[in-house]
Amino acid sequence: MLRYGMPMIEAMMTQSKQSQSGEAPVEAVMRDELAHGDVVLGTIGPILGHLLANHDHSLFSDEIIARVRGMLANLASQLLEAEGEVIGVEEPHDFALENQDSLATLLASNTALLTHCHAMAIESQLALRLQRRNSIDPVLSPLLQSLIASEDPAVASSAMAALAAQARFAQQQKRMQMPMAELPADLFHSAMLAWREHAGEIDATKAAEIETRLRKTFDESRGRLGLFSRLVSGMGAGARASLSVSHSGVGLFLSGLAAASGQDRDIVALSTNDRQLARLALALRAAGLNPKEVEEQFLYLHPEISLPHGFSELRVDRASQLLSSATGWQIG
């Protein structure tokens, strides 16, 4: 689709007319490109895992690989320091440094966890790019500012907490950190299982104490993603404002688009990459944006790209159906 340029699109549309006469040409183009994008998504986990293990950066940028590797190492370090403190080693930090590589490798074998770290790196990279190119503040957006000024104390409080969480996220990404407390609940559980496997024959009482200590500090609803999700859902019909990346900022934009298009937020983050343009365009349309509004978002996210001829004819329900029928790849 979008990555080929218009001549290739016209050729694909001609083929689509011949092979799928019952389907609008633009739908056939989008379906083909979505399928191609799913193949690419399906290769991310294996390729990224290989690159992390072999230091071969030929297919992914050095920055993304470094960030993902750093986040996995940081997760491993948090788990191992907790272990070291409970089992009574003299220097828990040194204990973590000595063992974090093997645990990080085990964590990286979990596709969903690896994908989440990748999505966080992509989100951070996008926010910095939009800051440089469009002067979009990566922390305090106009929408978040208006929510902070809400007359509803609960909304204002959640928005302030989200602002603080977003500021921490920006700093954590610079340091290549991934706090356990910021993981979605299912991935927190996966990380704990990986640690248990790595710990081996640790005393059951000690293991339970370590798990209790880590779980005490975990509350998904208080994490950045939980706060964004609560803000979006609390806005009701006003959540449409989150679908403007210049107004809402990258973090709220991704959460709003995930909710409105019925997709996992990590997939939405990955769809901002230039190999997933069909998925991004379909998500924006499925979320209820009209074709002109979709074009406006592309001007920020991919200013060099033009939507295919006929995209204006694509209905919201058809965009949603195309997304939901794309079963070629799923996280985990």
C-alpha atoms as a PDB file:
ATOM      1  CA  MET A   1       0.000   0.000   0.000  1.00  0.00           C
ATOM      2  CA  LEU A   2       1.417   3.208   1.234  1.00  0.00           C
ATOM      3  CA  ARG A   3       5.067   2.292   1.188  1.00  0.00           C
ATOM      4  CA  TYR A   4       5.050   1.498  -2.543  1.00  0.00           C
ATOM      5  CA  GLY A   5       3.943   4.822  -3.995  1.00  0.00           C
ATOM      6  CA  MET A   6       1.017   5.454  -6.294  1.00  0.00           C
ATOM      7  CA  PRO A   7       2.100   3.492  -9.406  1.00  0.00           C
ATOM      8  CA  MET A   8       2.348   0.288  -7.419  1.00  0.00           C
ATOM      9  CA  ILE A   9      -0.960   1.055  -5.706  1.00  0.00           C
ATOM     10  CA  GLU A  10      -2.703   1.477  -9.051  1.00  0.00           C
ATOM     11  CA  ALA A  11      -1.299  -1.860 -10.219  1.00  0.00           C
ATOM     12  CA  MET A  12      -2.413  -3.558  -7.019  1.00  0.00           C
ATOM     13  CA  MET A  13      -5.850  -2.041  -7.363  1.00  0.00           C
ATOM     14  CA  THR A  14      -6.163  -3.363 -10.894  1.00  0.00           C
ATOM     15  CA  GLN A  15      -5.242  -6.848  -9.713  1.00  0.00           C
ATOM     16  CA  SER A  16      -7.691  -6.552  -6.827  1.00  0.00           C
ATOM     17  CA  LYS A  17     -10.519  -5.621  -9.184  1.00  0.00           C
ATOM     18  CA  GLN A  18      -9.868  -8.758 -11.179  1.00  0.00           C
ATOM     19  CA  SER A  19      -9.503 -11.123  -8.237  1.00  0.00           C
ATOM     20  CA  GLN A  20     -12.015  -9.761  -5.718  1.00  0.00           C
ATOM     21  CA  SER A  21     -14.778  -8.154  -7.739  1.00  0.00           C
ATOM     22  CA  GLY A  22     -17.110  -8.151  -4.751  1.00  0.00           C
ATOM     23  CA  GLU A  23     -14.774  -6.003  -2.685  1.00  0.00           C
ATOM     24  CA  ALA A  24     -14.018  -2.307  -3.121  1.00  0.00           C
ATOM     25  CA  PRO A  25     -10.564  -1.796  -4.682  1.00  0.00           C
ATOM     26  CA  VAL A  26      -9.217   0.189  -1.743  1.00  0.00           C
ATOM     27  CA  GLU A  27     -10.379  -2.543   0.660  1.00  0.00           C
ATOM     28  CA  ALA A  28      -8.454  -5.156  -1.327  1.00  0.00           C
ATOM     29  CA  VAL A  29      -5.345  -2.976  -1.237  1.00  0.00           C
ATOM     30  CA  MET A  30      -5.658  -2.434   2.500  1.00  0.00           C
ATOM     31  CA  ARG A  31      -6.339  -6.130   3.131  1.00  0.00           C
ATOM     32  CA  ASP A  32      -3.238  -7.152   1.160  1.00  0.00           C
ATOM     33  CA  GLU A  33      -1.067  -4.617   2.941  1.00  0.00           C
ATOM     34  CA  LEU A  34      -2.472  -5.580   6.343  1.00  0.00           C
ATOM     35  CA  ALA A  35      -1.606  -9.215   5.653  1.00  0.00           C
ATOM     36  CA  HIS A  36       1.894  -8.193   4.613  1.00  0.00           C
ATOM     37  CA  GLY A  37       2.234  -6.098   7.780  1.00  0.00           C
ATOM     38  CA  ASP A  38       1.142  -9.045   9.921  1.00  0.00           C
ATOM     39  CA  VAL A  39       3.903 -11.152   8.404  1.00  0.00           C
ATOM     40  CA  VAL A  40       6.380  -8.442   9.379  1.00  0.00           C
ATOM     41  CA  LEU A  41       4.934  -8.270  12.917  1.00  0.00           C
ATOM     42  CA  GLY A  42       5.270 -12.027  13.195  1.00  0.00           C
ATOM     43  CA  THR A  43       8.997 -11.802  12.518  1.00  0.00           C
ATOM     44  CA  ILE A  44       9.670  -9.099  15.122  1.00  0.00           C
ATOM     45  CA  GLY A  45       9.950 -11.422  18.118  1.00  0.00           C
ATOM     46  CA  PRO A  46      12.292 -13.997  16.547  1.00  0.00           C
ATOM     47  CA  ILE A  47      14.452 -11.375  14.829  1.00  0.00           C
ATOM     48  CA  LEU A  48      14.651  -9.101  17.858  1.00  0.00           C
ATOM     49  CA  GLY A  49      15.466 -12.065  20.087  1.00  0.00           C
ATOM     50  CA  HIS A  50      18.231 -13.101  17.682  1.00  0.00           C
ATOM     51  CA  LEU A  51      19.687  -9.601  17.560  1.00  0.00           C
ATOM     52  CA  LEU A  52      19.669  -9.285  21.347  1.00  0.00           C
ATOM     53  CA  ALA A  53      21.507 -12.584  21.636  1.00  0.00           C
ATOM     54  CA  ASN A  54      23.992 -12.064  18.796  1.00  0.00           C
ATOM     55  CA  HIS A  55      24.630  -8.297  18.752  1.00  0.00           C
ATOM     56  CA  ASP A  56      23.715  -8.181  15.063  1.00  0.00           C
ATOM     57  CA  HIS A  57      21.980  -4.855  14.429  1.00  0.00           C
ATOM     58  CA  SER A  58      21.563  -5.068  10.665  1.00  0.00           C
ATOM     59  CA  LEU A  59      17.742  -5.123  10.624  1.00  0.00           C
ATOM     60  CA  PHE A  60      16.825  -2.929  13.596  1.00  0.00           C
ATOM     61  CA  SER A  61      18.242   0.423  14.605  1.00  0.00           C
ATOM     62  CA  ASP A  62      20.996   0.490  17.207  1.00  0.00           C
ATOM     63  CA  GLU A  63      18.837   2.752  19.361  1.00  0.00           C
ATOM     64  CA  ILE A  64      15.878   0.358  19.474  1.00  0.00           C
ATOM     65  CA  ILE A  65      18.049  -2.685  20.167  1.00  0.00           C
ATOM     66  CA  ALA A  66      19.907  -0.850  22.919  1.00  0.00           C
ATOM     67  CA  ARG A  67      16.675   0.322  24.543  1.00  0.00           C
ATOM     68  CA  VAL A  68      15.074  -3.127  24.479  1.00  0.00           C
ATOM     69  CA  ARG A  69      18.224  -4.790  25.795  1.00  0.00           C
ATOM     70  CA  GLY A  70      18.479  -2.173  28.525  1.00  0.00           C
ATOM     71  CA  MET A  71      14.851  -2.600  29.586  1.00  0.00           C
ATOM     72  CA  LEU A  72      15.180  -6.378  29.822  1.00  0.00           C
ATOM     73  CA  ALA A  73      18.404  -6.066  31.822  1.00  0.00           C
ATOM     74  CA  ASN A  74      16.706  -3.567  34.117  1.00  0.00           C
ATOM     75  CA  LEU A  75      13.763  -5.914  34.714  1.00  0.00           C
ATOM     76  CA  ALA A  76      16.169  -8.725  35.481  1.00  0.00           C
ATOM     77  CA  SER A  77      18.132  -6.517  37.868  1.00  0.00           C
ATOM     78  CA  GLN A  78      15.011  -5.541  39.836  1.00  0.00           C
ATOM     79  CA  LEU A  79      14.015  -9.185  40.271  1.00  0.00           C
ATOM     80  CA  LEU A  80      17.510 -10.288  41.237  1.00  0.00           C
ATOM     81  CA  GLU A  81      18.110  -7.457  43.701  1.00  0.00           C
ATOM     82  CA  ALA A  82      14.896  -8.439  45.477  1.00  0.00           C
ATOM     83  CA  GLU A  83      16.113 -12.027  45.519  1.00  0.00           C
ATOM     84  CA  GLY A  84      19.520 -10.996  46.826  1.00  0.00           C
ATOM     85  CA  GLU A  85      18.045  -8.932  49.644  1.00  0.00           C
ATOM     86  CA  VAL A  86      15.790 -11.750  50.824  1.00  0.00           C
ATOM     87  CA  ILE A  87      18.335 -14.560  50.637  1.00  0.00           C
ATOM     88  CA  GLY A  88      20.836 -12.363  52.474  1.00  0.00           C
ATOM     89  CA  VAL A  89      23.699 -11.853  50.042  1.00  0.00           C
ATOM     90  CA  GLU A  90      26.170  -9.199  51.131  1.00  0.00           C
ATOM     91  CA  GLU A  91      25.787  -7.011  48.024  1.00  0.00           C
ATOM     92  CA  PRO A  92      22.377  -7.483  46.314  1.00  0.00           C
ATOM     93  CA  HIS A  93      23.324  -5.042  43.547  1.00  0.00           C
ATOM     94  CA  ASP A  94      26.485  -7.008  42.678  1.00  0.00           C
ATOM     95  CA  PHE A  95      24.473 -10.243  42.853  1.00  0.00           C
ATOM     96  CA  ALA A  96      22.049  -8.776  40.303  1.00  0.00           C
ATOM     97  CA  LEU A  97      24.843  -7.639  37.975  1.00  0.00           C
ATOM     98  CA  GLU A  98      26.432 -11.089  38.032  1.00  0.00           C
ATOM     99  CA  ASN A  99      23.214 -12.868  37.102  1.00  0.00           C
ATOM    100  CA  GLN A 100      21.156 -10.401  35.075  1.00  0.00           C
ATOM    101  CA  ASP A 101      22.315 -11.485  31.617  1.00  0.00           C
ATOM    102  CA  SER A 102      20.996 -15.020  31.976  1.00  0.00           C
ATOM    103  CA  LEU A 103      17.673 -13.837  33.423  1.00  0.00           C
ATOM    104  CA  ALA A 104      17.344 -11.118  30.764  1.00  0.00           C
ATOM    105  CA  THR A 105      17.788 -13.804  28.096  1.00  0.00           C
ATOM    106  CA  LEU A 106      15.024 -15.833  29.716  1.00  0.00           C
ATOM    107  CA  LEU A 107      12.760 -12.762  29.853  1.00  0.00           C
ATOM    108  CA  ALA A 108      13.449 -12.078  26.164  1.00  0.00           C
ATOM    109  CA  SER A 109      12.156 -15.556  25.275  1.00  0.00           C
ATOM    110  CA  ASN A 110       8.658 -14.376  26.245  1.00  0.00           C
ATOM    111  CA  THR A 111       7.270 -12.904  23.018  1.00  0.00           C
ATOM    112  CA  ALA A 112       4.663 -10.719  24.712  1.00  0.00           C
ATOM    113  CA  LEU A 113       7.182  -9.227  27.131  1.00  0.00           C
ATOM    114  CA  LEU A 114       9.712  -8.658  24.353  1.00  0.00           C
ATOM    115  CA  THR A 115       7.020  -7.036  22.197  1.00  0.00           C
ATOM    116  CA  HIS A 116       6.021  -4.739  25.052  1.00  0.00           C
ATOM    117  CA  CYS A 117       9.586  -3.511  25.538  1.00  0.00           C
ATOM    118  CA  HIS A 118       9.843  -2.988  21.785  1.00  0.00           C
ATOM    119  CA  ALA A 119       6.570  -1.042  21.755  1.00  0.00           C
ATOM    120  CA  MET A 120       7.762   1.181  24.611  1.00  0.00           C
ATOM    121  CA  ALA A 121      10.968   1.922  22.693  1.00  0.00           C
ATOM    122  CA  ILE A 122       8.984   2.741  19.542  1.00  0.00           C
ATOM    123  CA  GLU A 123       6.666   5.022  21.541  1.00  0.00           C
ATOM    124  CA  SER A 124       9.580   6.892  23.087  1.00  0.00           C
ATOM    125  CA  GLN A 125      11.314   7.261  19.737  1.00  0.00           C
ATOM    126  CA  LEU A 126       8.108   8.592  18.141  1.00  0.00           C
ATOM    127  CA  ALA A 127       7.588  11.129  20.934  1.00  0.00           C
ATOM    128  CA  LEU A 128      11.124  12.467  20.529  1.00  0.00           C
ATOM    129  CA  ARG A 129      10.747  12.618  16.750  1.00  0.00           C
ATOM    130  CA  LEU A 130       7.512  14.614  17.002  1.00  0.00           C
ATOM    131  CA  GLN A 131       9.127  16.920  19.539  1.00  0.00           C
ATOM    132  CA  ARG A 132      11.972  17.683  17.118  1.00  0.00           C
ATOM    133  CA  ARG A 133       9.852  17.900  13.991  1.00  0.00           C
ATOM    134  CA  ASN A 134       6.557  19.363  15.235  1.00  0.00           C
ATOM    135  CA  SER A 135       7.395  20.818  18.662  1.00  0.00           C
ATOM    136  CA  ILE A 136       4.948  18.434  20.355  1.00  0.00           C
ATOM    137  CA  ASP A 137       5.783  18.257  24.052  1.00  0.00           C
ATOM    138  CA  PRO A 138       6.543  14.618  24.961  1.00  0.00           C
ATOM    139  CA  VAL A 139       5.218  15.062  28.503  1.00  0.00           C
ATOM    140  CA  LEU A 140       2.553  17.788  28.826  1.00  0.00           C
ATOM    141  CA  SER A 141       0.071  17.876  25.939  1.00  0.00           C
ATOM    142  CA  PRO A 142      -2.818  20.354  25.535  1.00  0.00           C
ATOM    143  CA  LEU A 143      -5.328  17.578  26.261  1.00  0.00           C
ATOM    144  CA  LEU A 144      -3.566  16.488  29.427  1.00  0.00           C
ATOM    145  CA  GLN A 145      -3.322  20.125  30.495  1.00  0.00           C
ATOM    146  CA  SER A 146      -7.066  20.570  30.061  1.00  0.00           C
ATOM    147  CA  LEU A 147      -7.768  17.388  32.054  1.00  0.00           C
ATOM    148  CA  ILE A 148      -5.550  18.648  34.875  1.00  0.00           C
ATOM    149  CA  ALA A 149      -7.680  21.811  34.925  1.00  0.00           C
ATOM    150  CA  SER A 150     -10.918  19.782  35.127  1.00  0.00           C
ATOM    151  CA  GLU A 151     -13.465  20.795  37.746  1.00  0.00           C
ATOM    152  CA  ASP A 152     -13.903  17.107  38.562  1.00  0.00           C
ATOM    153  CA  PRO A 153     -11.356  16.407  41.335  1.00  0.00           C
ATOM    154  CA  ALA A 154     -11.039  12.732  40.371  1.00  0.00           C
ATOM    155  CA  VAL A 155     -10.256  13.579  36.739  1.00  0.00           C
ATOM    156  CA  ALA A 156      -7.806  16.321  37.717  1.00  0.00           C
ATOM    157  CA  SER A 157      -6.075  13.990  40.168  1.00  0.00           C
ATOM    158  CA  SER A 158      -5.764  11.182  37.610  1.00  0.00           C
ATOM    159  CA  ALA A 159      -4.460  13.625  35.023  1.00  0.00           C
ATOM    160  CA  MET A 160      -1.816  14.942  37.426  1.00  0.00           C
ATOM    161  CA  ALA A 161      -0.767  11.392  38.221  1.00  0.00           C
ATOM    162  CA  ALA A 162      -0.599  10.633  34.479  1.00  0.00           C
ATOM    163  CA  LEU A 163       1.565  13.705  33.926  1.00  0.00           C
ATOM    164  CA  ALA A 164       3.997  12.569  36.607  1.00  0.00           C
ATOM    165  CA  ALA A 165       4.005   9.037  35.178  1.00  0.00           C
ATOM    166  CA  GLN A 166       4.680  10.353  31.666  1.00  0.00           C
ATOM    167  CA  ALA A 167       7.568  12.466  32.935  1.00  0.00           C
ATOM    168  CA  ARG A 168       9.020   9.395  34.639  1.00  0.00           C
ATOM    169  CA  PHE A 169       8.563   7.363  31.453  1.00  0.00           C
ATOM    170  CA  ALA A 170      10.582   9.902  29.461  1.00  0.00           C
ATOM    171  CA  GLN A 171      13.416   9.707  31.966  1.00  0.00           C
ATOM    172  CA  GLN A 172      13.217   5.921  32.242  1.00  0.00           C
ATOM    173  CA  GLN A 173      13.524   5.560  28.488  1.00  0.00           C
ATOM    174  CA  LYS A 174      16.629   7.742  28.475  1.00  0.00           C
ATOM    175  CA  ARG A 175      18.089   5.407  31.099  1.00  0.00           C
ATOM    176  CA  MET A 176      16.763   2.297  29.303  1.00  0.00           C
ATOM    177  CA  GLN A 177      14.731   1.260  32.340  1.00  0.00           C
ATOM    178  CA  MET A 178      11.495  -0.742  32.594  1.00  0.00           C
ATOM    179  CA  PRO A 179      10.095  -0.654  36.149  1.00  0.00           C
ATOM    180  CA  MET A 180       8.265  -3.812  37.187  1.00  0.00           C
ATOM    181  CA  ALA A 181       5.488  -1.586  38.544  1.00  0.00           C
ATOM    182  CA  GLU A 182       4.836  -0.230  35.039  1.00  0.00           C
ATOM    183  CA  LEU A 183       4.228  -3.601  33.403  1.00  0.00           C
ATOM    184  CA  PRO A 184       0.702  -4.714  32.468  1.00  0.00           C
ATOM    185  CA  ALA A 185      -0.531  -7.316  34.961  1.00  0.00           C
ATOM    186  CA  ASP A 186      -0.130 -10.304  32.640  1.00  0.00           C
ATOM    187  CA  LEU A 187       3.454  -9.344  31.825  1.00  0.00           C
ATOM    188  CA  PHE A 188       4.256  -8.756  35.498  1.00  0.00           C
ATOM    189  CA  HIS A 189       3.108 -12.315  36.105  1.00  0.00           C
ATOM    190  CA  SER A 190       5.206 -13.571  33.160  1.00  0.00           C
ATOM    191  CA  ALA A 191       8.288 -11.823  34.532  1.00  0.00           C
ATOM    192  CA  MET A 192       7.702 -13.425  37.932  1.00  0.00           C
ATOM    193  CA  LEU A 193       7.422 -16.863  36.328  1.00  0.00           C
ATOM    194  CA  ALA A 194      10.674 -16.308  34.420  1.00  0.00           C
ATOM    195  CA  TRP A 195      12.397 -15.333  37.673  1.00  0.00           C
ATOM    196  CA  ARG A 196      11.092 -18.464  39.414  1.00  0.00           C
ATOM    197  CA  GLU A 197      12.453 -20.605  36.602  1.00  0.00           C
ATOM    198  CA  HIS A 198      15.804 -18.801  36.787  1.00  0.00           C
ATOM    199  CA  ALA A 199      15.983 -19.070  40.583  1.00  0.00           C
ATOM    200  CA  GLY A 200      15.800 -22.855  40.376  1.00  0.00           C
ATOM    201  CA  GLU A 201      15.851 -24.683  43.708  1.00  0.00           C
ATOM    202  CA  ILE A 202      15.425 -21.595  45.898  1.00  0.00           C
ATOM    203  CA  ASP A 203      13.850 -22.203  49.300  1.00  0.00           C
ATOM    204  CA  ALA A 204      10.049 -22.060  48.943  1.00  0.00           C
ATOM    205  CA  THR A 205       9.645 -19.736  51.918  1.00  0.00           C
ATOM    206  CA  LYS A 206      12.228 -17.325  50.529  1.00  0.00           C
ATOM    207  CA  ALA A 207      10.624 -17.460  47.088  1.00  0.00           C
ATOM    208  CA  ALA A 208       7.231 -16.618  48.552  1.00  0.00           C
ATOM    209  CA  GLU A 209       8.751 -13.704  50.487  1.00  0.00           C
ATOM    210  CA  ILE A 210      10.372 -12.317  47.338  1.00  0.00           C
ATOM    211  CA  GLU A 211       7.132 -12.582  45.360  1.00  0.00           C
ATOM    212  CA  THR A 212       5.161 -10.926  48.151  1.00  0.00           C
ATOM    213  CA  ARG A 213       7.638  -8.068  48.316  1.00  0.00           C
ATOM    214  CA  LEU A 214       7.415  -7.434  44.566  1.00  0.00           C
ATOM    215  CA  ARG A 215       3.643  -7.780  44.374  1.00  0.00           C
ATOM    216  CA  LYS A 216       3.139  -5.313  47.228  1.00  0.00           C
ATOM    217  CA  THR A 217       4.573  -2.548  45.066  1.00  0.00           C
ATOM    218  CA  PHE A 218       2.488  -3.477  41.994  1.00  0.00           C
ATOM    219  CA  ASP A 219      -0.834  -1.858  41.133  1.00  0.00           C
ATOM    220  CA  GLU A 220      -1.594  -1.839  37.414  1.00  0.00           C
ATOM    221  CA  SER A 221      -4.205   0.914  37.771  1.00  0.00           C
ATOM    222  CA  ARG A 222      -1.590   3.308  39.168  1.00  0.00           C
ATOM    223  CA  GLY A 223       0.898   2.722  36.355  1.00  0.00           C
ATOM    224  CA  ARG A 224       1.214   5.062  33.377  1.00  0.00           C
ATOM    225  CA  LEU A 225      -0.746   2.836  31.007  1.00  0.00           C
ATOM    226  CA  GLY A 226      -3.474   2.231  33.580  1.00  0.00           C
ATOM    227  CA  LEU A 227      -3.808   5.964  34.199  1.00  0.00           C
ATOM    228  CA  PHE A 228      -4.012   6.740  30.484  1.00  0.00           C
ATOM    229  CA  SER A 229      -6.619   4.027  29.998  1.00  0.00           C
ATOM    230  CA  ARG A 230      -8.722   5.408  32.862  1.00  0.00           C
ATOM    231  CA  LEU A 231      -8.504   8.952  31.506  1.00  0.00           C
ATOM    232  CA  VAL A 232      -9.582   7.847  28.028  1.00  0.00           C
ATOM    233  CA  SER A 233     -12.497   5.743  29.271  1.00  0.00           C
ATOM    234  CA  GLY A 234     -13.593   8.519  31.625  1.00  0.00           C
ATOM    235  CA  MET A 235     -13.809  11.018  28.786  1.00  0.00           C
ATOM    236  CA  GLY A 236     -16.721   9.177  27.163  1.00  0.00           C
ATOM    237  CA  ALA A 237     -17.561  10.682  23.782  1.00  0.00           C
ATOM    238  CA  GLY A 238     -14.892  13.297  24.440  1.00  0.00           C
ATOM    239  CA  ALA A 239     -12.245  10.590  24.060  1.00  0.00           C
ATOM    240  CA  ARG A 240     -12.258  11.451  20.366  1.00  0.00           C
ATOM    241  CA  ALA A 241      -9.940  14.309  21.309  1.00  0.00           C
ATOM    242  CA  SER A 242      -7.259  11.746  22.144  1.00  0.00           C
ATOM    243  CA  LEU A 243      -7.140  10.719  18.470  1.00  0.00           C
ATOM    244  CA  SER A 244      -5.218  13.872  17.563  1.00  0.00           C
ATOM    245  CA  VAL A 245      -1.552  13.231  18.306  1.00  0.00           C
ATOM    246  CA  SER A 246      -0.729  16.947  18.315  1.00  0.00           C
ATOM    247  CA  HIS A 247      -3.464  17.628  20.881  1.00  0.00           C
ATOM    248  CA  SER A 248      -3.153  14.562  23.108  1.00  0.00           C
ATOM    249  CA  GLY A 249       0.540  13.708  22.859  1.00  0.00           C
ATOM    250  CA  VAL A 250       1.875  10.307  21.872  1.00  0.00           C
ATOM    251  CA  GLY A 251       1.058   8.474  25.108  1.00  0.00           C
ATOM    252  CA  LEU A 252      -2.620   9.416  25.291  1.00  0.00           C
ATOM    253  CA  PHE A 253      -2.936   9.118  21.513  1.00  0.00           C
ATOM    254  CA  LEU A 254      -1.817   5.477  21.541  1.00  0.00           C
ATOM    255  CA  SER A 255      -4.120   4.622  24.454  1.00  0.00           C
ATOM    256  CA  GLY A 256      -7.051   6.421  22.826  1.00  0.00           C
ATOM    257  CA  LEU A 257      -6.480   4.749  19.460  1.00  0.00           C
ATOM    258  CA  ALA A 258      -6.145   1.321  21.075  1.00  0.00           C
ATOM    259  CA  ALA A 259      -9.470   1.766  22.872  1.00  0.00           C
ATOM    260  CA  ALA A 260     -11.292   3.208  19.867  1.00  0.00           C
ATOM    261  CA  SER A 261     -10.037   0.635  17.369  1.00  0.00           C
ATOM    262  CA  GLY A 262     -10.274  -2.384  19.673  1.00  0.00           C
ATOM    263  CA  GLN A 263      -6.587  -3.276  19.440  1.00  0.00           C
ATOM    264  CA  ASP A 264      -3.872  -4.045  21.949  1.00  0.00           C
ATOM    265  CA  ARG A 265      -1.940  -0.878  22.784  1.00  0.00           C
ATOM    266  CA  ASP A 266       1.419  -2.495  21.980  1.00  0.00           C
ATOM    267  CA  ILE A 267       0.172  -3.359  18.491  1.00  0.00           C
ATOM    268  CA  VAL A 268      -0.994   0.228  18.034  1.00  0.00           C
ATOM    269  CA  ALA A 269       2.425   1.511  19.081  1.00  0.00           C
ATOM    270  CA  LEU A 270       4.143  -0.832  16.622  1.00  0.00           C
ATOM    271  CA  SER A 271       1.727   0.246  13.883  1.00  0.00           C
ATOM    272  CA  THR A 272       3.251   3.726  13.935  1.00  0.00           C
ATOM    273  CA  ASN A 273       6.339   2.188  12.333  1.00  0.00           C
ATOM    274  CA  ASP A 274       6.689   2.749   8.583  1.00  0.00           C
ATOM    275  CA  ARG A 275       6.208  -0.981   7.893  1.00  0.00           C
ATOM    276  CA  GLN A 276       2.693  -0.957   9.386  1.00  0.00           C
ATOM    277  CA  LEU A 277       1.059   1.941   7.572  1.00  0.00           C
ATOM    278  CA  ALA A 278      -2.016   0.017   6.459  1.00  0.00           C
ATOM    279  CA  ARG A 279      -2.777  -1.062  10.023  1.00  0.00           C
ATOM    280  CA  LEU A 280      -2.348   2.513  11.245  1.00  0.00           C
ATOM    281  CA  ALA A 281      -4.623   3.968   8.556  1.00  0.00           C
ATOM    282  CA  LEU A 282      -7.279   1.317   9.180  1.00  0.00           C
ATOM    283  CA  ALA A 283      -7.104   1.846  12.941  1.00  0.00           C
ATOM    284  CA  LEU A 284      -7.606   5.591  12.592  1.00  0.00           C
ATOM    285  CA  ARG A 285     -10.555   5.070  10.249  1.00  0.00           C
ATOM    286  CA  ALA A 286     -12.032   2.302  12.442  1.00  0.00           C
ATOM    287  CA  ALA A 287     -11.727   4.661  15.419  1.00  0.00           C
ATOM    288  CA  GLY A 288     -14.151   7.020  13.690  1.00  0.00           C
ATOM    289  CA  LEU A 289     -11.898   9.623  12.097  1.00  0.00           C
ATOM    290  CA  ASN A 290     -13.031  10.760   8.682  1.00  0.00           C
ATOM    291  CA  PRO A 291     -10.569  10.388   5.771  1.00  0.00           C
ATOM    292  CA  LYS A 292      -9.448  14.023   6.005  1.00  0.00           C
ATOM    293  CA  GLU A 293      -8.725  13.602   9.717  1.00  0.00           C
ATOM    294  CA  VAL A 294      -6.764  10.425   9.001  1.00  0.00           C
ATOM    295  CA  GLU A 295      -4.685  12.393   6.494  1.00  0.00           C
ATOM    296  CA  GLU A 296      -4.052  15.050   9.147  1.00  0.00           C
ATOM    297  CA  GLN A 297      -2.661  12.448  11.537  1.00  0.00           C
ATOM    298  CA  PHE A 298      -0.442  11.061   8.789  1.00  0.00           C
ATOM    299  CA  LEU A 299       0.965  14.548   8.259  1.00  0.00           C
ATOM    300  CA  TYR A 300       2.366  14.307  11.777  1.00  0.00           C
ATOM    301  CA  LEU A 301       3.242  10.621  11.875  1.00  0.00           C
ATOM    302  CA  HIS A 302       4.336  10.004   8.281  1.00  0.00           C
ATOM    303  CA  PRO A 303       4.389  13.305   6.352  1.00  0.00           C
ATOM    304  CA  GLU A 304       6.016  11.672   3.323  1.00  0.00           C
ATOM    305  CA  ILE A 305       3.110   9.244   2.819  1.00  0.00           C
ATOM    306  CA  SER A 306      -0.079   9.716   0.800  1.00  0.00           C
ATOM    307  CA  LEU A 307      -3.122   7.574   1.438  1.00  0.00           C
ATOM    308  CA  PRO A 308      -4.156   5.377  -1.516  1.00  0.00           C
ATOM    309  CA  HIS A 309      -6.705   6.472  -4.058  1.00  0.00           C
ATOM    310  CA  GLY A 310     -10.170   5.498  -2.887  1.00  0.00           C
ATOM    311  CA  PHE A 311      -9.389   5.629   0.831  1.00  0.00           C
ATOM    312  CA  SER A 312     -12.080   8.293   1.233  1.00  0.00           C
ATOM    313  CA  GLU A 313     -14.629   5.643   0.204  1.00  0.00           C
ATOM    314  CA  LEU A 314     -13.623   3.264   2.992  1.00  0.00           C
ATOM    315  CA  ARG A 315     -16.398   3.090   5.591  1.00  0.00           C
ATOM    316  CA  VAL A 316     -15.716   2.941   9.319  1.00  0.00           C
ATOM    317  CA  ASP A 317     -17.379  -0.459   9.679  1.00  0.00           C
ATOM    318  CA  ARG A 318     -15.375  -1.918   6.804  1.00  0.00           C
ATOM    319  CA  ALA A 319     -12.108  -0.612   8.278  1.00  0.00           C
ATOM    320  CA  SER A 320     -13.039  -2.232  11.579  1.00  0.00           C
ATOM    321  CA  GLN A 321     -13.886  -5.510   9.859  1.00  0.00           C
ATOM    322  CA  LEU A 322     -10.598  -5.525   7.978  1.00  0.00           C
ATOM    323  CA  LEU A 323      -8.700  -5.025  11.230  1.00  0.00           C
ATOM    324  CA  SER A 324     -10.613  -7.708  13.100  1.00  0.00           C
ATOM    325  CA  SER A 325     -10.195 -10.201  10.246  1.00  0.00           C
ATOM    326  CA  ALA A 326      -6.395  -9.763  10.237  1.00  0.00           C
ATOM    327  CA  THR A 327      -5.597 -12.894  12.231  1.00  0.00           C
ATOM    328  CA  GLY A 328      -2.163 -13.472  10.719  1.00  0.00           C
ATOM    329  CA  TRP A 329      -0.367 -12.357  13.892  1.00  0.00           C
ATOM    330  CA  GLN A 330      -1.182 -11.982  17.552  1.00  0.00           C
ATOM    331  CA  ILE A 331       0.971 -11.076  20.553  1.00  0.00           C
ATOM    332  CA  GLY A 332       2.176 -14.130  22.401  1.00  0.00           C
END
